[in-house]
């Protein structure tokens, strides 16, 4: 599966998803691209999911226009030491036969 890590996530998080094609926004040269345009670029480049720390994204976009899953990582801070604890939950969702379109809030609790 092709995954994109938003620019608000540590790039080290890429290593938590072996067996997947994982890119960062920086890898793709998409730094500073607004969310709506980023989602369009992702669809055009055949990404299946975005991982982000942006809790507002789910309220700002109409996900009926996109065929993407967005994992909103919900934690007190966006450091690798904290966010790696959410990776197992994301991997579990990624292993399912099909992903829901739109946001999935992934929390520590």
PDB file of N, CA and C in Angstrom:
ATOM      1  N   UNK A   1       0.840  -1.169   0.000  1.00  0.00           N
ATOM      2  CA  UNK A   1       0.000   0.000   0.000  1.00  0.00           C
ATOM      3  C   UNK A   1       0.888   1.236   0.000  1.00  0.00           C
ATOM      4  N   UNK A   2       0.455   2.272  -0.687  1.00  0.00           N
ATOM      5  CA  UNK A   2       1.230   3.502  -0.807  1.00  0.00           C
ATOM      6  C   UNK A   2       0.711   4.524   0.206  1.00  0.00           C
ATOM      7  N   UNK A   3       1.600   4.921   1.135  1.00  0.00           N
ATOM      8  CA  UNK A   3       1.245   5.805   2.239  1.00  0.00           C
ATOM      9  C   UNK A   3       2.050   7.096   2.179  1.00  0.00           C
ATOM     10  N   UNK A   4       1.424   8.191   2.628  1.00  0.00           N
ATOM     11  CA  UNK A   4       2.115   9.474   2.709  1.00  0.00           C
ATOM     12  C   UNK A   4       2.092   9.964   4.145  1.00  0.00           C
ATOM     13  N   UNK A   5       3.265  10.364   4.650  1.00  0.00           N
ATOM     14  CA  UNK A   5       3.369  10.977   5.972  1.00  0.00           C
ATOM     15  C   UNK A   5       3.334  12.483   5.787  1.00  0.00           C
ATOM     16  N   UNK A   6       2.394  13.139   6.440  1.00  0.00           N
ATOM     17  CA  UNK A   6       2.262  14.589   6.349  1.00  0.00           C
ATOM     18  C   UNK A   6       3.513  15.253   6.915  1.00  0.00           C
ATOM     19  N   UNK A   7       3.714  16.515   6.545  1.00  0.00           N
ATOM     20  CA  UNK A   7       4.931  17.199   6.964  1.00  0.00           C
ATOM     21  C   UNK A   7       4.990  17.470   8.461  1.00  0.00           C
ATOM     22  N   UNK A   8       3.892  17.253   9.188  1.00  0.00           N
ATOM     23  CA  UNK A   8       3.885  17.465  10.635  1.00  0.00           C
ATOM     24  C   UNK A   8       4.246  16.196  11.411  1.00  0.00           C
ATOM     25  N   UNK A   9       4.709  15.162  10.703  1.00  0.00           N
ATOM     26  CA  UNK A   9       5.104  13.907  11.348  1.00  0.00           C
ATOM     27  C   UNK A   9       6.599  13.678  11.200  1.00  0.00           C
ATOM     28  N   UNK A  10       7.221  13.019  12.179  1.00  0.00           N
ATOM     29  CA  UNK A  10       8.647  12.704  12.053  1.00  0.00           C
ATOM     30  C   UNK A  10       8.878  11.679  10.948  1.00  0.00           C
ATOM     31  N   UNK A  11       9.884  11.936  10.091  1.00  0.00           N
ATOM     32  CA  UNK A  11      10.134  11.027   8.961  1.00  0.00           C
ATOM     33  C   UNK A  11      10.533   9.629   9.431  1.00  0.00           C
ATOM     34  N   UNK A  12      11.029   9.521  10.625  1.00  0.00           N
ATOM     35  CA  UNK A  12      11.423   8.222  11.191  1.00  0.00           C
ATOM     36  C   UNK A  12      10.228   7.263  11.281  1.00  0.00           C
ATOM     37  N   UNK A  13       9.015   7.801  11.285  1.00  0.00           N
ATOM     38  CA  UNK A  13       7.808   6.982  11.352  1.00  0.00           C
ATOM     39  C   UNK A  13       7.691   6.059  10.137  1.00  0.00           C
ATOM     40  N   UNK A  14       8.390   6.383   9.062  1.00  0.00           N
ATOM     41  CA  UNK A  14       8.370   5.534   7.853  1.00  0.00           C
ATOM     42  C   UNK A  14       8.760   4.094   8.177  1.00  0.00           C
ATOM     43  N   UNK A  15       9.705   3.927   9.090  1.00  0.00           N
ATOM     44  CA  UNK A  15      10.223   2.591   9.413  1.00  0.00           C
ATOM     45  C   UNK A  15       9.185   1.721  10.122  1.00  0.00           C
ATOM     46  N   UNK A  16       8.104   2.309  10.614  1.00  0.00           N
ATOM     47  CA  UNK A  16       7.075   1.562  11.340  1.00  0.00           C
ATOM     48  C   UNK A  16       6.118   0.817  10.412  1.00  0.00           C
ATOM     49  N   UNK A  17       6.282   0.990   9.100  1.00  0.00           N
ATOM     50  CA  UNK A  17       5.345   0.390   8.150  1.00  0.00           C
ATOM     51  C   UNK A  17       6.069  -0.429   7.074  1.00  0.00           C
ATOM     52  N   UNK A  18       6.790  -1.476   7.524  1.00  0.00           N
ATOM     53  CA  UNK A  18       7.471  -2.327   6.549  1.00  0.00           C
ATOM     54  C   UNK A  18       6.436  -3.028   5.664  1.00  0.00           C
ATOM     55  N   UNK A  19       6.809  -3.268   4.444  1.00  0.00           N
ATOM     56  CA  UNK A  19       5.885  -3.919   3.520  1.00  0.00           C
ATOM     57  C   UNK A  19       4.970  -2.942   2.810  1.00  0.00           C
ATOM     58  N   UNK A  20       5.108  -1.662   3.125  1.00  0.00           N
ATOM     59  CA  UNK A  20       4.322  -0.614   2.461  1.00  0.00           C
ATOM     60  C   UNK A  20       5.287   0.366   1.800  1.00  0.00           C
ATOM     61  N   UNK A  21       4.808   1.029   0.756  1.00  0.00           N
ATOM     62  CA  UNK A  21       5.564   2.106   0.136  1.00  0.00           C
ATOM     63  C   UNK A  21       5.237   3.371   0.917  1.00  0.00           C
ATOM     64  N   UNK A  22       6.206   3.901   1.648  1.00  0.00           N
ATOM     65  CA  UNK A  22       5.948   5.055   2.508  1.00  0.00           C
ATOM     66  C   UNK A  22       6.817   6.221   2.061  1.00  0.00           C
ATOM     67  N   UNK A  23       6.162   7.354   1.827  1.00  0.00           N
ATOM     68  CA  UNK A  23       6.837   8.579   1.428  1.00  0.00           C
ATOM     69  C   UNK A  23       6.468   9.681   2.416  1.00  0.00           C
ATOM     70  N   UNK A  24       7.331  10.679   2.522  1.00  0.00           N
ATOM     71  CA  UNK A  24       6.985  11.876   3.276  1.00  0.00           C
ATOM     72  C   UNK A  24       6.595  12.959   2.263  1.00  0.00           C
ATOM     73  N   UNK A  25       5.917  13.982   2.749  1.00  0.00           N
ATOM     74  CA  UNK A  25       5.589  15.121   1.893  1.00  0.00           C
ATOM     75  C   UNK A  25       6.877  15.688   1.305  1.00  0.00           C
ATOM     76  N   UNK A  26       7.918  15.738   2.113  1.00  0.00           N
ATOM     77  CA  UNK A  26       9.216  16.249   1.640  1.00  0.00           C
ATOM     78  C   UNK A  26       9.792  15.367   0.538  1.00  0.00           C
ATOM     79  N   UNK A  27       9.680  14.033   0.683  1.00  0.00           N
ATOM     80  CA  UNK A  27      10.166  13.119  -0.354  1.00  0.00           C
ATOM     81  C   UNK A  27       9.556  13.452  -1.718  1.00  0.00           C
ATOM     82  N   UNK A  28       8.275  13.827  -1.707  1.00  0.00           N
ATOM     83  CA  UNK A  28       7.541  14.097  -2.940  1.00  0.00           C
ATOM     84  C   UNK A  28       7.713  15.531  -3.427  1.00  0.00           C
ATOM     85  N   UNK A  29       8.350  16.390  -2.609  1.00  0.00           N
ATOM     86  CA  UNK A  29       8.512  17.788  -2.983  1.00  0.00           C
ATOM     87  C   UNK A  29       7.234  18.599  -2.826  1.00  0.00           C
ATOM     88  N   UNK A  30       6.364  18.152  -1.915  1.00  0.00           N
ATOM     89  CA  UNK A  30       5.062  18.784  -1.730  1.00  0.00           C
ATOM     90  C   UNK A  30       5.007  19.649  -0.465  1.00  0.00           C
ATOM     91  N   UNK A  31       6.130  20.061   0.063  1.00  0.00           N
ATOM     92  CA  UNK A  31       6.157  20.906   1.269  1.00  0.00           C
ATOM     93  C   UNK A  31       5.345  22.170   1.037  1.00  0.00           C
ATOM     94  N   UNK A  32       4.553  22.547   2.022  1.00  0.00           N
ATOM     95  CA  UNK A  32       3.796  23.786   1.959  1.00  0.00           C
ATOM     96  C   UNK A  32       2.530  23.717   1.123  1.00  0.00           C
ATOM     97  N   UNK A  33       2.248  22.574   0.510  1.00  0.00           N
ATOM     98  CA  UNK A  33       1.034  22.427  -0.295  1.00  0.00           C
ATOM     99  C   UNK A  33      -0.175  22.376   0.644  1.00  0.00           C
ATOM    100  N   UNK A  34      -1.202  23.133   0.324  1.00  0.00           N
ATOM    101  CA  UNK A  34      -2.420  23.162   1.146  1.00  0.00           C
ATOM    102  C   UNK A  34      -3.131  21.814   1.090  1.00  0.00           C
ATOM    103  N   UNK A  35      -3.905  21.516   2.137  1.00  0.00           N
ATOM    104  CA  UNK A  35      -4.522  20.191   2.285  1.00  0.00           C
ATOM    105  C   UNK A  35      -5.348  19.734   1.082  1.00  0.00           C
ATOM    106  N   UNK A  36      -6.211  20.604   0.560  1.00  0.00           N
ATOM    107  CA  UNK A  36      -7.049  20.213  -0.569  1.00  0.00           C
ATOM    108  C   UNK A  36      -6.224  19.829  -1.784  1.00  0.00           C
ATOM    109  N   UNK A  37      -5.206  20.625  -2.063  1.00  0.00           N
ATOM    110  CA  UNK A  37      -4.321  20.338  -3.197  1.00  0.00           C
ATOM    111  C   UNK A  37      -3.493  19.080  -2.923  1.00  0.00           C
ATOM    112  N   UNK A  38      -3.070  18.898  -1.672  1.00  0.00           N
ATOM    113  CA  UNK A  38      -2.304  17.710  -1.300  1.00  0.00           C
ATOM    114  C   UNK A  38      -3.118  16.446  -1.560  1.00  0.00           C
ATOM    115  N   UNK A  39      -4.378  16.458  -1.189  1.00  0.00           N
ATOM    116  CA  UNK A  39      -5.235  15.286  -1.422  1.00  0.00           C
ATOM    117  C   UNK A  39      -5.390  15.007  -2.910  1.00  0.00           C
ATOM    118  N   UNK A  40      -5.505  16.051  -3.727  1.00  0.00           N
ATOM    119  CA  UNK A  40      -5.590  15.870  -5.185  1.00  0.00           C
ATOM    120  C   UNK A  40      -4.304  15.252  -5.734  1.00  0.00           C
ATOM    121  N   UNK A  41      -3.160  15.742  -5.269  1.00  0.00           N
ATOM    122  CA  UNK A  41      -1.876  15.192  -5.700  1.00  0.00           C
ATOM    123  C   UNK A  41      -1.749  13.722  -5.304  1.00  0.00           C
ATOM    124  N   UNK A  42      -2.232  13.395  -4.106  1.00  0.00           N
ATOM    125  CA  UNK A  42      -2.168  12.011  -3.632  1.00  0.00           C
ATOM    126  C   UNK A  42      -2.996  11.080  -4.519  1.00  0.00           C
ATOM    127  N   UNK A  43      -4.190  11.512  -4.878  1.00  0.00           N
ATOM    128  CA  UNK A  43      -5.049  10.698  -5.745  1.00  0.00           C
ATOM    129  C   UNK A  43      -4.372  10.503  -7.102  1.00  0.00           C
ATOM    130  N   UNK A  44      -3.827  11.579  -7.664  1.00  0.00           N
ATOM    131  CA  UNK A  44      -3.167  11.505  -8.968  1.00  0.00           C
ATOM    132  C   UNK A  44      -1.949  10.579  -8.927  1.00  0.00           C
ATOM    133  N   UNK A  45      -1.282  10.511  -7.771  1.00  0.00           N
ATOM    134  CA  UNK A  45      -0.078   9.678  -7.621  1.00  0.00           C
ATOM    135  C   UNK A  45      -0.401   8.300  -7.028  1.00  0.00           C
ATOM    136  N   UNK A  46      -1.678   7.984  -6.941  1.00  0.00           N
ATOM    137  CA  UNK A  46      -2.176   6.668  -6.528  1.00  0.00           C
ATOM    138  C   UNK A  46      -1.804   6.263  -5.101  1.00  0.00           C
ATOM    139  N   UNK A  47      -1.839   7.234  -4.196  1.00  0.00           N
ATOM    140  CA  UNK A  47      -1.683   6.923  -2.775  1.00  0.00           C
ATOM    141  C   UNK A  47      -3.005   6.375  -2.249  1.00  0.00           C
ATOM    142  N   UNK A  48      -2.928   5.522  -1.235  1.00  0.00           N
ATOM    143  CA  UNK A  48      -4.131   4.992  -0.606  1.00  0.00           C
ATOM    144  C   UNK A  48      -4.447   5.682   0.720  1.00  0.00           C
ATOM    145  N   UNK A  49      -3.406   6.180   1.416  1.00  0.00           N
ATOM    146  CA  UNK A  49      -3.653   6.735   2.749  1.00  0.00           C
ATOM    147  C   UNK A  49      -2.652   7.830   3.100  1.00  0.00           C
ATOM    148  N   UNK A  50      -3.130   8.753   3.919  1.00  0.00           N
ATOM    149  CA  UNK A  50      -2.332   9.829   4.478  1.00  0.00           C
ATOM    150  C   UNK A  50      -2.302   9.653   5.988  1.00  0.00           C
ATOM    151  N   UNK A  51      -1.143   9.825   6.585  1.00  0.00           N
ATOM    152  CA  UNK A  51      -1.027   9.873   8.038  1.00  0.00           C
ATOM    153  C   UNK A  51      -0.703  11.311   8.397  1.00  0.00           C
ATOM    154  N   UNK A  52      -1.455  11.884   9.331  1.00  0.00           N
ATOM    155  CA  UNK A  52      -1.266  13.282   9.688  1.00  0.00           C
ATOM    156  C   UNK A  52      -1.479  13.498  11.177  1.00  0.00           C
ATOM    157  N   UNK A  53      -0.956  14.605  11.658  1.00  0.00           N
ATOM    158  CA  UNK A  53      -1.178  15.041  13.034  1.00  0.00           C
ATOM    159  C   UNK A  53      -2.158  16.213  13.040  1.00  0.00           C
ATOM    160  N   UNK A  54      -2.616  16.620  11.866  1.00  0.00           N
ATOM    161  CA  UNK A  54      -3.511  17.774  11.686  1.00  0.00           C
ATOM    162  C   UNK A  54      -4.948  17.386  12.025  1.00  0.00           C
ATOM    163  N   UNK A  55      -5.376  17.762  13.213  1.00  0.00           N
ATOM    164  CA  UNK A  55      -6.718  17.390  13.668  1.00  0.00           C
ATOM    165  C   UNK A  55      -7.820  18.202  12.985  1.00  0.00           C
ATOM    166  N   UNK A  56      -7.468  19.300  12.326  1.00  0.00           N
ATOM    167  CA  UNK A  56      -8.451  20.118  11.622  1.00  0.00           C
ATOM    168  C   UNK A  56      -8.766  19.594  10.223  1.00  0.00           C
ATOM    169  N   UNK A  57      -7.878  18.802   9.651  1.00  0.00           N
ATOM    170  CA  UNK A  57      -8.058  18.308   8.291  1.00  0.00           C
ATOM    171  C   UNK A  57      -9.401  17.612   8.103  1.00  0.00           C
ATOM    172  N   UNK A  58      -9.809  16.837   9.084  1.00  0.00           N
ATOM    173  CA  UNK A  58     -11.058  16.088   8.981  1.00  0.00           C
ATOM    174  C   UNK A  58     -12.280  16.996   8.870  1.00  0.00           C
ATOM    175  N   UNK A  59     -12.162  18.232   9.356  1.00  0.00           N
ATOM    176  CA  UNK A  59     -13.279  19.173   9.319  1.00  0.00           C
ATOM    177  C   UNK A  59     -13.198  20.127   8.129  1.00  0.00           C
ATOM    178  N   UNK A  60     -12.033  20.184   7.491  1.00  0.00           N
ATOM    179  CA  UNK A  60     -11.803  21.158   6.429  1.00  0.00           C
ATOM    180  C   UNK A  60     -12.051  20.607   5.028  1.00  0.00           C
ATOM    181  N   UNK A  61     -12.091  19.294   4.881  1.00  0.00           N
ATOM    182  CA  UNK A  61     -12.161  18.707   3.547  1.00  0.00           C
ATOM    183  C   UNK A  61     -13.425  17.877   3.361  1.00  0.00           C
ATOM    184  N   UNK A  62     -13.924  17.839   2.139  1.00  0.00           N
ATOM    185  CA  UNK A  62     -15.051  16.995   1.776  1.00  0.00           C
ATOM    186  C   UNK A  62     -14.474  15.683   1.233  1.00  0.00           C
ATOM    187  N   UNK A  63     -14.471  14.661   2.053  1.00  0.00           N
ATOM    188  CA  UNK A  63     -13.819  13.415   1.676  1.00  0.00           C
ATOM    189  C   UNK A  63     -14.606  12.603   0.656  1.00  0.00           C
ATOM    190  N   UNK A  64     -15.811  13.022   0.337  1.00  0.00           N
ATOM    191  CA  UNK A  64     -16.576  12.335  -0.703  1.00  0.00           C
ATOM    192  C   UNK A  64     -15.931  12.541  -2.067  1.00  0.00           C
ATOM    193  N   UNK A  65     -15.074  13.550  -2.184  1.00  0.00           N
ATOM    194  CA  UNK A  65     -14.403  13.849  -3.450  1.00  0.00           C
ATOM    195  C   UNK A  65     -13.142  13.015  -3.648  1.00  0.00           C
ATOM    196  N   UNK A  66     -12.694  12.317  -2.610  1.00  0.00           N
ATOM    197  CA  UNK A  66     -11.414  11.616  -2.670  1.00  0.00           C
ATOM    198  C   UNK A  66     -11.598  10.140  -2.329  1.00  0.00           C
ATOM    199  N   UNK A  67     -10.676   9.327  -2.786  1.00  0.00           N
ATOM    200  CA  UNK A  67     -10.720   7.887  -2.500  1.00  0.00           C
ATOM    201  C   UNK A  67      -9.616   7.517  -1.517  1.00  0.00           C
ATOM    202  N   UNK A  68      -9.380   8.378  -0.552  1.00  0.00           N
ATOM    203  CA  UNK A  68      -8.265   8.212   0.377  1.00  0.00           C
ATOM    204  C   UNK A  68      -8.738   7.974   1.801  1.00  0.00           C
ATOM    205  N   UNK A  69      -7.907   7.254   2.529  1.00  0.00           N
ATOM    206  CA  UNK A  69      -8.080   7.118   3.969  1.00  0.00           C
ATOM    207  C   UNK A  69      -7.102   8.084   4.616  1.00  0.00           C
ATOM    208  N   UNK A  70      -7.541   8.778   5.650  1.00  0.00           N
ATOM    209  CA  UNK A  70      -6.670   9.704   6.369  1.00  0.00           C
ATOM    210  C   UNK A  70      -6.623   9.273   7.827  1.00  0.00           C
ATOM    211  N   UNK A  71      -5.451   8.846   8.256  1.00  0.00           N
ATOM    212  CA  UNK A  71      -5.247   8.488   9.657  1.00  0.00           C
ATOM    213  C   UNK A  71      -4.833   9.747  10.413  1.00  0.00           C
ATOM    214  N   UNK A  72      -5.708  10.227  11.280  1.00  0.00           N
ATOM    215  CA  UNK A  72      -5.410  11.393  12.110  1.00  0.00           C
ATOM    216  C   UNK A  72      -4.834  10.855  13.419  1.00  0.00           C
ATOM    217  N   UNK A  73      -3.534  11.048  13.595  1.00  0.00           N
ATOM    218  CA  UNK A  73      -2.860  10.532  14.789  1.00  0.00           C
ATOM    219  C   UNK A  73      -3.089  11.500  15.938  1.00  0.00           C
ATOM    220  N   UNK A  74      -3.764  11.011  16.953  1.00  0.00           N
ATOM    221  CA  UNK A  74      -4.174  11.838  18.085  1.00  0.00           C
ATOM    222  C   UNK A  74      -3.313  11.497  19.289  1.00  0.00           C
ATOM    223  N   UNK A  75      -2.381  12.397  19.608  1.00  0.00           N
ATOM    224  CA  UNK A  75      -1.462  12.207  20.732  1.00  0.00           C
ATOM    225  C   UNK A  75      -1.122  13.580  21.298  1.00  0.00           C
ATOM    226  N   UNK A  76      -0.585  13.622  22.531  1.00  0.00           N
ATOM    227  CA  UNK A  76      -0.266  14.924  23.134  1.00  0.00           C
ATOM    228  C   UNK A  76       0.793  15.710  22.356  1.00  0.00           C
ATOM    229  N   UNK A  77       1.774  15.009  21.778  1.00  0.00           N
ATOM    230  CA  UNK A  77       2.833  15.665  20.995  1.00  0.00           C
ATOM    231  C   UNK A  77       3.162  14.783  19.789  1.00  0.00           C
ATOM    232  N   UNK A  78       3.787  15.372  18.791  1.00  0.00           N
ATOM    233  CA  UNK A  78       4.070  14.628  17.567  1.00  0.00           C
ATOM    234  C   UNK A  78       5.531  14.196  17.452  1.00  0.00           C
ATOM    235  N   UNK A  79       6.055  13.625  18.516  1.00  0.00           N
ATOM    236  CA  UNK A  79       7.408  13.072  18.476  1.00  0.00           C
ATOM    237  C   UNK A  79       7.332  11.585  18.108  1.00  0.00           C
ATOM    238  N   UNK A  80       8.414  11.085  17.551  1.00  0.00           N
ATOM    239  CA  UNK A  80       8.444   9.669  17.185  1.00  0.00           C
ATOM    240  C   UNK A  80       8.204   8.775  18.400  1.00  0.00           C
ATOM    241  N   UNK A  81       8.817   9.124  19.527  1.00  0.00           N
ATOM    242  CA  UNK A  81       8.690   8.298  20.739  1.00  0.00           C
ATOM    243  C   UNK A  81       7.226   8.103  21.143  1.00  0.00           C
ATOM    244  N   UNK A  82       6.397   9.092  20.906  1.00  0.00           N
ATOM    245  CA  UNK A  82       4.970   9.005  21.240  1.00  0.00           C
ATOM    246  C   UNK A  82       4.183   8.377  20.102  1.00  0.00           C
ATOM    247  N   UNK A  83       4.391   8.863  18.877  1.00  0.00           N
ATOM    248  CA  UNK A  83       3.581   8.414  17.743  1.00  0.00           C
ATOM    249  C   UNK A  83       3.814   6.956  17.348  1.00  0.00           C
ATOM    250  N   UNK A  84       4.995   6.431  17.619  1.00  0.00           N
ATOM    251  CA  UNK A  84       5.255   5.034  17.285  1.00  0.00           C
ATOM    252  C   UNK A  84       4.292   4.104  18.028  1.00  0.00           C
ATOM    253  N   UNK A  85       3.759   4.573  19.144  1.00  0.00           N
ATOM    254  CA  UNK A  85       2.792   3.778  19.909  1.00  0.00           C
ATOM    255  C   UNK A  85       1.448   3.646  19.188  1.00  0.00           C
ATOM    256  N   UNK A  86       1.201   4.460  18.180  1.00  0.00           N
ATOM    257  CA  UNK A  86      -0.029   4.385  17.390  1.00  0.00           C
ATOM    258  C   UNK A  86       0.149   3.541  16.124  1.00  0.00           C
ATOM    259  N   UNK A  87       1.382   3.237  15.786  1.00  0.00           N
ATOM    260  CA  UNK A  87       1.663   2.540  14.532  1.00  0.00           C
ATOM    261  C   UNK A  87       0.993   1.172  14.442  1.00  0.00           C
ATOM    262  N   UNK A  88       0.936   0.450  15.547  1.00  0.00           N
ATOM    263  CA  UNK A  88       0.288  -0.856  15.544  1.00  0.00           C
ATOM    264  C   UNK A  88      -1.182  -0.769  15.171  1.00  0.00           C
ATOM    265  N   UNK A  89      -1.867   0.257  15.675  1.00  0.00           N
ATOM    266  CA  UNK A  89      -3.290   0.449  15.346  1.00  0.00           C
ATOM    267  C   UNK A  89      -3.465   0.767  13.860  1.00  0.00           C
ATOM    268  N   UNK A  90      -2.562   1.578  13.327  1.00  0.00           N
ATOM    269  CA  UNK A  90      -2.625   1.915  11.907  1.00  0.00           C
ATOM    270  C   UNK A  90      -2.345   0.670  11.069  1.00  0.00           C
ATOM    271  N   UNK A  91      -1.313  -0.086  11.428  1.00  0.00           N
ATOM    272  CA  UNK A  91      -0.984  -1.319  10.680  1.00  0.00           C
ATOM    273  C   UNK A  91      -2.151  -2.299  10.699  1.00  0.00           C
ATOM    274  N   UNK A  92      -2.840  -2.387  11.822  1.00  0.00           N
ATOM    275  CA  UNK A  92      -4.000  -3.280  11.920  1.00  0.00           C
ATOM    276  C   UNK A  92      -5.070  -2.875  10.903  1.00  0.00           C
ATOM    277  N   UNK A  93      -5.356  -1.578  10.796  1.00  0.00           N
ATOM    278  CA  UNK A  93      -6.339  -1.085   9.812  1.00  0.00           C
ATOM    279  C   UNK A  93      -5.849  -1.343   8.386  1.00  0.00           C
ATOM    280  N   UNK A  94      -4.552  -1.139   8.163  1.00  0.00           N
ATOM    281  CA  UNK A  94      -3.998  -1.330   6.828  1.00  0.00           C
ATOM    282  C   UNK A  94      -4.067  -2.786   6.375  1.00  0.00           C
ATOM    283  N   UNK A  95      -4.109  -3.702   7.318  1.00  0.00           N
ATOM    284  CA  UNK A  95      -4.145  -5.127   6.968  1.00  0.00           C
ATOM    285  C   UNK A  95      -5.543  -5.610   6.596  1.00  0.00           C
ATOM    286  N   UNK A  96      -6.553  -4.775   6.775  1.00  0.00           N
ATOM    287  CA  UNK A  96      -7.916  -5.166   6.426  1.00  0.00           C
ATOM    288  C   UNK A  96      -8.083  -5.197   4.912  1.00  0.00           C
ATOM    289  N   UNK A  97      -9.097  -5.922   4.464  1.00  0.00           N
ATOM    290  CA  UNK A  97      -9.343  -6.069   3.030  1.00  0.00           C
ATOM    291  C   UNK A  97      -9.604  -4.739   2.332  1.00  0.00           C
ATOM    292  N   UNK A  98     -10.313  -3.843   2.987  1.00  0.00           N
ATOM    293  CA  UNK A  98     -10.557  -2.535   2.391  1.00  0.00           C
ATOM    294  C   UNK A  98     -10.524  -1.467   3.481  1.00  0.00           C
ATOM    295  N   UNK A  99     -10.066  -0.305   3.091  1.00  0.00           N
ATOM    296  CA  UNK A  99      -9.985   0.823   4.017  1.00  0.00           C
ATOM    297  C   UNK A  99     -11.190   1.730   3.804  1.00  0.00           C
ATOM    298  N   UNK A 100     -11.713   2.292   4.889  1.00  0.00           N
ATOM    299  CA  UNK A 100     -12.788   3.273   4.716  1.00  0.00           C
ATOM    300  C   UNK A 100     -12.235   4.559   4.122  1.00  0.00           C
ATOM    301  N   UNK A 101     -13.048   5.247   3.359  1.00  0.00           N
ATOM    302  CA  UNK A 101     -12.654   6.534   2.812  1.00  0.00           C
ATOM    303  C   UNK A 101     -12.921   7.600   3.853  1.00  0.00           C
ATOM    304  N   UNK A 102     -11.976   8.534   3.983  1.00  0.00           N
ATOM    305  CA  UNK A 102     -12.127   9.617   4.932  1.00  0.00           C
ATOM    306  C   UNK A 102     -11.278   9.424   6.166  1.00  0.00           C
ATOM    307  N   UNK A 103     -11.538  10.242   7.187  1.00  0.00           N
ATOM    308  CA  UNK A 103     -10.675  10.245   8.368  1.00  0.00           C
ATOM    309  C   UNK A 103     -10.937   9.091   9.334  1.00  0.00           C
ATOM    310  N   UNK A 104      -9.860   8.586   9.899  1.00  0.00           N
ATOM    311  CA  UNK A 104      -9.899   7.611  10.985  1.00  0.00           C
ATOM    312  C   UNK A 104      -9.068   8.219  12.112  1.00  0.00           C
ATOM    313  N   UNK A 105      -9.710   8.532  13.218  1.00  0.00           N
ATOM    314  CA  UNK A 105      -8.999   9.068  14.374  1.00  0.00           C
ATOM    315  C   UNK A 105      -8.317   7.912  15.090  1.00  0.00           C
ATOM    316  N   UNK A 106      -7.010   8.014  15.243  1.00  0.00           N
ATOM    317  CA  UNK A 106      -6.229   6.959  15.887  1.00  0.00           C
ATOM    318  C   UNK A 106      -5.591   7.552  17.134  1.00  0.00           C
ATOM    319  N   UNK A 107      -6.064   7.072  18.305  1.00  0.00           N
ATOM    320  CA  UNK A 107      -5.644   7.634  19.589  1.00  0.00           C
ATOM    321  C   UNK A 107      -4.887   6.621  20.425  1.00  0.00           C
ATOM    322  N   UNK A 108      -4.171   7.123  21.403  1.00  0.00           N
ATOM    323  CA  UNK A 108      -3.423   6.264  22.324  1.00  0.00           C
ATOM    324  C   UNK A 108      -4.356   5.470  23.234  1.00  0.00           C
ATOM    325  N   UNK A 109      -5.438   6.069  23.646  1.00  0.00           N
ATOM    326  CA  UNK A 109      -6.333   5.403  24.597  1.00  0.00           C
ATOM    327  C   UNK A 109      -7.156   4.302  23.946  1.00  0.00           C
TER     328      UNK A 109
END
